[in-house]
Protein backbone atom coordinates (compact mmCIF):
# COMPACT_ATOMS: atom_id res chain seq x y z
CA LYS A 1 109.80 72.06 205.17
CA GLN A 2 111.33 68.61 204.82
CA TRP A 3 113.99 69.51 207.37
CA TYR A 4 111.30 70.63 209.75
CA GLN A 5 109.28 67.47 209.30
CA ARG A 6 112.35 65.28 209.75
CA ARG A 7 113.32 67.01 213.00
CA VAL A 8 109.77 66.81 214.38
CA GLY A 9 109.62 63.09 213.49
CA ASN A 10 112.88 62.44 215.38
CA ILE A 11 111.57 64.29 218.42
CA THR A 12 108.32 62.32 218.37
CA GLN A 13 110.18 58.99 218.00
CA ASN A 14 112.45 59.75 220.93
CA VAL A 15 109.76 61.16 223.22
CA LYS A 16 107.11 58.49 222.64
CA TYR A 17 109.13 55.35 222.02
CA ASP A 18 112.91 55.32 222.47
CA VAL A 19 113.35 57.21 225.73
CA PRO A 20 110.47 55.37 227.57
CA LEU A 21 111.84 52.04 226.32
CA TYR A 22 115.33 52.80 227.57
CA LYS A 23 113.97 53.94 230.93
CA LYS A 24 111.92 50.73 231.31
CA GLN A 25 114.95 48.57 230.49
CA ILE A 26 117.08 50.45 233.02
CA ALA A 27 114.35 50.26 235.68
CA ARG A 28 113.87 46.52 235.07
CA ALA A 29 117.62 45.87 235.26
CA THR A 30 117.89 47.90 238.46
CA GLN A 31 114.95 46.03 240.02
CA VAL A 32 116.36 42.63 239.03
CA LYS A 33 119.69 43.57 240.54
CA GLN A 34 118.16 44.69 243.84
CA ASP A 35 115.94 41.60 244.12
CA SER A 36 118.82 39.28 243.28
CA LEU A 37 121.08 40.87 245.88
CA LYS A 38 118.34 40.55 248.50
CA LYS A 39 117.73 36.89 247.62
CA GLN A 40 121.47 36.25 247.79
CA ALA A 41 121.53 37.56 251.34
CA ASP A 42 118.54 35.36 252.25
CA CYS A 43 120.14 32.28 250.69
CA SER A 44 123.39 32.94 252.54
CA ASN A 45 121.48 33.13 255.83
CA ASN A 46 119.63 29.91 255.00
CA ILE A 47 122.90 28.15 254.19
CA ALA A 48 124.28 29.16 257.58
CA LYS A 49 121.09 27.91 259.28
CA TYR A 50 121.13 24.56 257.46
CA GLU A 51 124.78 23.97 258.25
CA GLN A 52 124.24 24.95 261.89
CA LYS A 53 121.26 22.61 262.15
CA TYR A 54 123.29 19.82 260.54
CA ARG A 55 126.14 20.27 263.00
CA GLU A 56 123.71 20.37 265.93
CA ARG A 57 122.00 17.14 264.87
CA CYS A 58 125.33 15.41 264.31
CA ALA A 59 126.54 16.52 267.74
CA GLU A 60 123.25 15.37 269.26
CA ILE A 61 123.71 11.89 267.81
CA GLY A 62 127.43 11.85 268.57
CA ILE A 63 129.11 11.96 265.16
CA VAL A 64 131.40 14.43 263.41
CA GLY A 65 129.49 14.45 260.13
CA ASP A 66 132.35 13.95 257.66
CA HIS A 67 131.27 10.40 256.70
CA VAL A 68 127.72 10.16 257.99
CA LYS A 69 126.81 6.57 257.12
CA ALA A 70 130.07 5.04 258.32
CA GLU A 71 129.99 7.03 261.54
CA LEU A 72 126.37 6.04 262.22
CA ALA A 73 127.22 2.37 261.66
CA GLY A 74 130.11 2.68 264.10
CA LEU A 75 127.86 4.10 266.82
CA VAL A 76 126.25 0.70 267.37
CA LEU A 77 129.55 -0.53 268.80
CA ASP A 78 129.20 1.99 271.65
CA ILE A 79 125.88 0.57 272.88
CA PRO A 80 127.39 -2.17 275.17
CA ASP A 81 129.62 0.34 276.98
CA MET A 82 126.69 2.73 277.39
CA MET A 83 124.52 -0.06 278.78
CA VAL A 84 127.25 -0.93 281.29
CA GLU A 85 127.35 2.69 282.50
CA ILE A 86 123.55 2.83 282.72
CA SER A 87 123.51 -0.44 284.68
CA ARG A 88 126.03 1.03 287.09
CA ASP A 89 123.87 4.13 287.54
CA ILE A 90 120.72 2.07 288.15
CA GLY A 91 122.57 0.09 290.82
CA ARG A 92 122.88 3.28 292.88
CA ILE A 93 119.12 3.93 293.24
CA GLN A 94 118.47 1.28 295.87
CA PRO A 95 117.90 3.92 298.62
CA ALA A 96 115.25 5.60 296.48
CA ILE A 97 113.45 2.30 295.84
CA SER A 98 113.56 1.41 299.54
CA TYR A 99 112.21 4.81 300.53
CA TYR A 100 109.40 4.62 297.96
CA GLN A 101 108.50 1.09 299.00
CA SER A 102 108.42 1.98 302.72
CA PHE A 103 106.26 5.01 301.97
CA VAL A 104 103.72 3.05 299.90
CA ARG A 105 103.59 0.13 302.33
CA PHE A 106 102.97 2.49 305.22
CA LEU A 107 100.22 4.47 303.48
CA LEU A 108 98.41 1.39 302.15
CA ALA A 109 99.05 -0.69 305.30
CA ASN A 110 100.34 -3.56 303.19
CA PRO A 111 103.77 -4.77 304.33
CA GLU A 112 103.98 -7.27 301.46
CA LEU A 113 103.43 -4.77 298.66
CA GLU A 114 106.20 -4.62 296.07
CA VAL A 115 106.94 -1.50 294.04
CA CYS A 116 109.14 -1.24 290.96
CA PRO A 117 109.72 -5.02 290.74
CA LEU A 118 111.95 -4.90 287.68
CA LEU A 119 114.13 -2.15 289.12
CA THR A 120 114.43 -4.12 292.34
CA HIS A 121 115.54 -7.18 290.38
CA PHE A 122 117.94 -5.07 288.32
CA VAL A 123 119.54 -3.47 291.38
CA LYS A 124 119.95 -6.87 293.03
CA TYR A 125 121.16 -9.00 290.11
CA GLY A 126 122.23 -6.52 287.47
CA ASN A 127 121.51 -6.58 283.74
CA THR A 128 120.53 -10.27 283.66
CA PRO A 129 119.00 -12.14 280.72
CA VAL A 130 115.27 -11.84 280.26
CA SER A 131 114.77 -15.53 281.05
CA GLN A 132 116.19 -15.06 284.55
CA TRP A 133 113.75 -12.18 285.16
CA GLU A 134 110.73 -14.09 283.86
CA ASN A 135 111.63 -17.33 285.67
CA PRO A 136 113.70 -16.40 288.71
CA THR A 137 113.30 -19.84 290.33
CA THR A 138 114.31 -21.80 287.22
CA PRO A 139 118.09 -22.20 286.84
CA MET A 140 119.46 -21.42 283.43
CA GLU A 141 120.29 -24.52 281.42
CA SER A 142 123.67 -24.72 279.83
CA SER A 143 123.73 -25.40 276.12
CA ASP A 144 127.12 -27.14 276.44
CA SER A 145 125.89 -30.09 278.52
CA GLU A 146 127.10 -33.47 277.34
CA SER A 147 124.61 -35.76 275.70
CA SER A 148 123.76 -39.03 277.48
CA VAL A 149 123.18 -40.89 274.22
CA GLU A 150 125.70 -43.68 273.70
CA VAL A 151 126.43 -45.20 270.32
CA ILE A 152 126.33 -49.03 270.46
CA ASP A 153 128.23 -51.00 267.87
CA PRO A 154 126.13 -53.67 266.14
CA ILE A 155 127.03 -57.37 266.55
CA GLU A 156 126.59 -59.67 263.60
CA THR A 157 125.58 -63.32 264.25
CA GLN A 158 124.90 -66.18 261.91
CA ASP A 159 122.48 -69.04 262.46
CA LYS A 160 122.85 -72.64 261.40
CA ASN A 161 121.19 -71.95 258.05
CA GLY A 162 123.68 -69.22 257.11
CA CYS A 163 121.37 -66.22 257.68
CA VAL A 164 123.05 -63.18 259.18
CA PHE A 165 121.36 -61.28 262.07
CA VAL A 166 122.43 -57.88 263.42
CA THR A 167 122.00 -57.50 267.19
CA THR A 168 123.22 -55.18 269.92
CA ASP A 169 124.48 -55.94 273.37
CA THR A 170 121.72 -54.28 275.36
CA GLN A 171 122.80 -55.71 278.65
CA GLU A 172 125.91 -53.56 278.79
CA HIS A 173 124.62 -50.23 277.41
CA VAL A 174 120.96 -49.84 278.29
CA GLU A 175 120.36 -47.91 281.49
CA THR A 176 117.55 -49.35 283.59
CA ASP A 177 115.50 -47.83 286.32
CA PRO A 178 116.60 -49.27 289.66
CA GLU A 179 113.04 -49.10 290.99
CA VAL A 180 111.61 -51.21 288.15
CA PRO A 181 112.68 -54.90 288.30
CA SER A 182 114.21 -56.24 285.14
CA GLN A 183 112.61 -59.14 283.33
CA PRO A 184 115.32 -61.21 281.62
CA LEU A 185 114.56 -63.54 278.78
CA PRO A 186 114.35 -67.23 279.49
CA PRO A 187 117.79 -68.83 279.48
CA GLU A 188 116.83 -71.33 276.79
CA THR A 189 115.82 -68.54 274.39
CA LYS A 190 118.54 -67.20 272.09
CA SER A 191 118.38 -64.81 269.23
CA SER A 192 119.68 -67.45 266.86
CA ASP A 193 117.04 -70.04 267.90
CA ILE A 194 113.94 -67.89 267.45
CA ASP A 195 111.59 -69.25 264.78
CA PHE A 196 110.26 -66.37 262.68
CA GLY A 197 108.17 -68.67 260.49
CA ILE A 198 110.34 -68.05 257.43
CA ASP A 199 111.74 -71.05 255.57
CA THR A 200 115.26 -70.95 254.32
CA ILE A 201 115.38 -70.15 250.63
CA ASP A 202 118.17 -71.42 248.49
CA PHE A 203 119.03 -68.69 246.02
CA GLY A 204 121.72 -70.68 244.35
CA THR A 205 125.14 -69.49 243.36
CA ASP A 206 124.47 -68.13 239.85
CA ILE A 207 122.07 -65.30 240.70
CA ASP A 208 123.45 -61.78 240.08
CA PHE A 209 122.20 -59.44 242.78
CA GLY A 210 123.80 -56.37 241.17
CA GLU A 211 126.25 -55.80 243.99
CA GLU A 212 128.90 -54.37 241.71
CA THR A 213 129.71 -50.77 242.32
CA ALA A 214 128.22 -48.46 239.69
CA ASP A 215 130.57 -46.07 237.92
CA PHE A 216 129.19 -42.55 238.14
CA GLY A 217 132.10 -40.90 236.45
CA ASP A 218 133.25 -37.51 237.72
CA ILE A 219 129.86 -36.49 239.14
CA ASP A 220 130.26 -34.55 242.40
CA PHE A 221 127.40 -35.39 244.75
CA GLY A 222 128.67 -33.06 247.46
CA ASP A 223 128.97 -35.83 250.05
CA GLU A 224 132.05 -34.25 251.57
CA THR A 225 130.27 -31.01 252.42
CA GLU A 226 129.17 -30.81 256.02
CA LEU A 227 125.76 -29.28 256.53
CA GLN A 228 124.91 -27.77 259.90
CA ILE A 229 121.41 -26.62 260.72
CA ASP A 230 120.89 -24.66 263.92
CA LEU A 231 117.36 -24.85 265.26
CA LEU A 232 116.35 -22.21 267.77
CA GLU A 233 113.30 -22.60 269.87
CA ALA A 234 110.65 -19.89 269.68
CA GLY A 235 111.53 -17.05 272.00
CA GLU A 236 115.07 -18.31 272.69
CA GLU A 237 116.64 -15.21 271.15
CA LYS A 238 114.42 -13.01 273.31
CA LYS A 239 115.33 -14.95 276.46
CA ASN A 240 119.05 -14.57 275.76
CA GLU A 241 118.76 -10.78 275.51
CA SER A 242 119.59 -8.69 278.53
CA LEU A 243 117.02 -6.56 280.30
CA LEU A 244 118.30 -3.36 278.72
CA ASP A 245 118.63 -4.87 275.24
CA HIS A 246 115.12 -6.30 275.13
CA THR A 247 112.56 -3.67 274.12
CA ALA A 248 109.74 -4.69 276.48
CA THR A 249 111.88 -4.89 279.63
CA ARG A 250 113.74 -1.70 278.75
CA ASN A 251 110.44 0.14 278.38
CA GLN A 252 109.30 -1.26 281.73
CA ILE A 253 112.51 -0.03 283.35
CA VAL A 254 111.91 3.43 281.89
CA ASP A 255 108.31 3.42 283.15
CA GLU A 256 109.40 2.47 286.65
CA LEU A 257 112.10 5.13 286.63
CA TYR A 258 109.48 7.70 285.62
CA GLU A 259 107.24 6.48 288.44
CA LEU A 260 110.05 6.71 290.98
CA ALA A 261 111.15 10.14 289.73
CA ALA A 262 107.58 11.48 289.87
CA PHE A 263 107.19 10.29 293.46
CA LEU A 264 110.49 11.78 294.59
CA SER A 265 109.77 15.06 292.82
CA ALA A 266 106.33 15.37 294.42
CA ARG A 267 107.72 14.37 297.80
CA SER A 268 110.55 16.91 297.56
CA GLU A 269 108.12 19.70 296.65
CA GLU A 270 105.79 18.72 299.49
CA MET A 271 108.60 18.67 302.06
CA GLY A 272 109.87 22.00 300.71
CA ARG A 273 106.54 23.68 301.43
CA ASN A 274 106.05 22.05 304.84
CA THR A 275 109.17 22.01 306.97
CA GLU A 276 107.53 19.74 309.53
CA SER A 277 106.07 16.66 307.89
CA ILE A 278 102.71 15.43 309.12
CA LEU A 279 103.82 11.82 308.70
CA SER A 280 106.57 12.29 311.27
CA GLU A 281 103.94 12.87 313.94
CA ILE A 282 102.36 9.43 313.41
CA PRO A 283 103.77 6.90 315.92
CA ASP A 284 103.83 3.95 313.53
CA CYS A 285 105.63 5.87 310.80
CA PRO A 286 108.85 4.06 309.68
CA PRO A 287 112.05 5.77 310.80
CA GLU A 288 113.34 6.21 307.20
CA ILE A 289 110.29 8.35 306.48
CA GLN A 290 110.51 10.35 309.70
CA THR A 291 114.19 11.15 309.31
CA ALA A 292 114.06 11.94 305.58
CA GLN A 293 115.21 15.45 304.63
CA VAL A 294 114.72 17.53 301.51
CA GLU A 295 118.43 17.30 300.67
CA GLY A 296 118.33 13.52 300.80
CA ILE A 297 115.25 13.36 298.58
CA THR A 298 116.92 15.70 296.09
CA LYS A 299 120.00 13.48 295.95
CA MET A 300 117.81 10.42 295.37
CA LEU A 301 115.99 12.24 292.57
CA ALA A 302 119.30 13.17 290.92
CA LEU A 303 120.40 9.52 291.02
CA VAL A 304 117.13 8.45 289.40
CA ASP A 305 117.22 11.17 286.74
CA GLY A 306 120.71 10.10 285.62
CA PRO A 307 119.86 6.71 284.04
CA LEU A 308 116.40 7.93 283.07
CA ASN A 309 117.79 10.79 280.98
CA ARG A 310 120.36 8.53 279.35
CA LEU A 311 117.74 5.94 278.40
CA THR A 312 115.29 8.50 276.98
CA CYS A 313 117.65 10.91 275.23
CA ASP A 314 117.52 11.30 271.46
CA ARG A 315 120.95 9.77 271.00
CA MET A 316 119.96 6.54 272.75
CA ARG A 317 116.75 6.41 270.72
CA HIS A 318 118.72 6.71 267.48
CA LEU A 319 121.26 4.10 268.62
CA LEU A 320 118.58 1.55 269.52
CA LEU A 321 116.79 2.11 266.21
CA LEU A 322 120.10 1.72 264.36
CA LYS A 323 120.72 -1.54 266.20
CA ASN A 324 117.27 -3.03 265.58
CA SER A 325 116.65 -1.79 262.03
CA GLU A 326 119.00 -1.84 259.07
CA LYS A 327 116.72 0.43 257.05
CA TYR A 328 116.85 3.11 259.75
CA LEU A 329 120.56 3.62 259.01
CA ASP A 330 119.77 4.65 255.43
CA ARG A 331 116.79 6.74 256.52
CA LEU A 332 118.69 8.63 259.22
CA SER A 333 121.70 9.16 256.96
CA ASP A 334 119.45 10.49 254.21
CA ASN A 335 117.67 12.75 256.71
CA LEU A 336 120.92 14.25 257.96
CA GLN A 337 122.36 14.71 254.50
CA GLY A 338 119.09 16.37 253.47
CA GLN A 339 120.23 19.47 255.33
CA LEU A 340 123.42 19.51 253.27
CA ARG A 341 121.44 19.02 250.07
CA LEU A 342 119.33 22.04 250.94
CA SER A 343 122.52 23.98 251.55
CA ASP A 344 123.91 22.90 248.18
CA LYS A 345 120.65 23.89 246.50
CA MET A 346 120.88 27.34 248.09
CA GLN A 347 124.45 27.60 246.86
CA ASP A 348 123.30 26.84 243.31
CA THR A 349 120.58 29.45 243.69
CA ILE A 350 123.19 32.02 244.74
CA SER A 351 125.20 31.22 241.62
CA GLU A 352 122.13 31.79 239.46
CA LEU A 353 121.38 35.06 241.23
CA LYS A 354 124.92 36.23 240.66
CA ASP A 355 124.48 35.55 236.96
CA ARG A 356 121.27 37.61 237.01
CA VAL A 357 123.03 40.48 238.72
CA ALA A 358 125.83 40.39 236.16
CA GLU A 359 123.32 40.35 233.29
CA ALA A 360 121.38 43.25 234.82
CA GLU A 361 124.59 45.26 235.17
CA ARG A 362 125.48 44.58 231.53
CA THR A 363 122.01 45.69 230.43
CA TYR A 364 122.31 48.87 232.46
CA GLU A 365 125.73 49.61 231.00
CA GLU A 366 124.42 49.12 227.46
CA VAL A 367 121.14 51.01 227.74
CA GLU A 368 122.14 53.93 229.95
CA PRO A 369 124.43 55.60 227.31
CA LYS A 370 121.66 55.18 224.71
CA LEU A 371 119.23 56.92 227.02
CA ARG A 372 121.60 59.83 227.64
CA ARG A 373 122.27 60.22 223.93
CA ALA A 374 118.54 60.07 223.06
CA VAL A 375 117.69 62.69 225.67
CA ALA A 376 120.52 64.97 224.51
CA VAL A 377 119.53 64.66 220.87
CA THR A 378 115.88 65.29 221.67
CA LYS A 379 116.67 68.44 223.63
CA GLU A 380 118.93 69.66 220.84
CA LEU A 381 116.23 69.08 218.22
CA LYS A 382 113.73 70.81 220.46
CA GLY A 383 115.94 73.87 220.61
CA CYS A 384 116.42 73.90 216.81
CA VAL A 385 112.69 73.62 216.18
CA GLU A 386 111.91 76.37 218.68
CA GLN A 387 114.48 78.67 217.07
CA HIS A 388 113.18 77.94 213.58
CA LEU A 389 109.61 78.66 214.64
CA SER A 390 110.77 81.87 216.33
CA THR A 391 112.22 83.19 213.08
CA ARG A 392 108.94 82.59 211.34
CA TYR A 393 107.11 84.61 213.96
CA LYS A 394 109.42 87.64 213.78
CA GLY A 395 111.68 86.57 216.67
CA ARG A 396 108.93 85.96 219.14
CA PRO A 397 109.96 83.31 221.71
CA VAL A 398 108.49 79.82 221.08
CA ARG A 399 108.28 77.08 223.69
CA ILE A 400 107.29 73.51 222.87
CA MET A 401 105.12 72.04 225.62
CA GLY A 402 104.37 68.39 226.52
CA ASP A 403 106.23 65.22 227.53
CA ILE A 404 109.39 66.50 225.91
CA ASN A 405 110.00 68.64 228.92
CA THR A 406 109.92 65.66 231.33
CA LEU A 407 112.82 63.76 229.77
């Protein structure tokens, strides 16, 4: 009886507790492994995307991406050469400006109307300083002009009472206006004979006026240091900037290029739909409008789009912000390296997932033999109990029913 109870207890323990526990551990380990492998694949794809996006942004700005901050700082040195190329491209759009101006003047019947004034100035004079654009009639003053101030050495004179007077020879150094007649002093009047109403005071010979030089020791008063202070007038820095360097004039150039490009695009589309222009039938129509062809308008539009695209591209925007703002260098560098940080974070996540997969595999390897052994032992005990019960019922077959048959 004790043997029977012990075998039944083992079967119950295995069927209700051990085998389900082992199966749950194996199922959990298998699920963790599958999820981790799937997340690894997703992280690998994200790493490839982040690196691709990083390379694309670096190529868009014009850097390699090995040393982001140093390369971004070096891009500012390319701005002058880029501005020279853009200035050269803008100089080629004079036919487009002339065509647009003739068209507008003809339609509005205003022969004095000016269109795209800043572009016209730029094409004629180039990338001049802002001051020359704002004041075209005022010549630029040179900062190296010689000063007309002349230093006059003082002349010491002594009167009959022994008083010393310091005077200057104004007759030789003072410039007078030739239109204003000079009024010389009376000949009898001299600087030494002028009565100032001050009596001569005899100070004697024993008075100490403290004229001895004081001994200050080794104190350094910094008298030998030269101090230079440069004072700039308000707006002088702005006036010295070129038209493309100054923000306001550069934006105006872009606006006028957009205006010119929109006109040429609309005109090209209109002439493409109507082979015979209505304007060509008007007698007073200017010859440059009558003889214009779609091919010529397209070429003008291409010449206008060249500098416009270079001034409005993302690379130029980044370069100008880098030039005008020191903080933008750190912000842009941090933004670019943020893609690499995301990639590194995904790489760390992959390492953690690999550890999870390894742990799940170890759990499976430990639990799976226990499950097999528990199932085998339970089936063996089941057979022994069935056989024992069969002997007690005169060899009649006995079958134990229940969860034991689903192991």
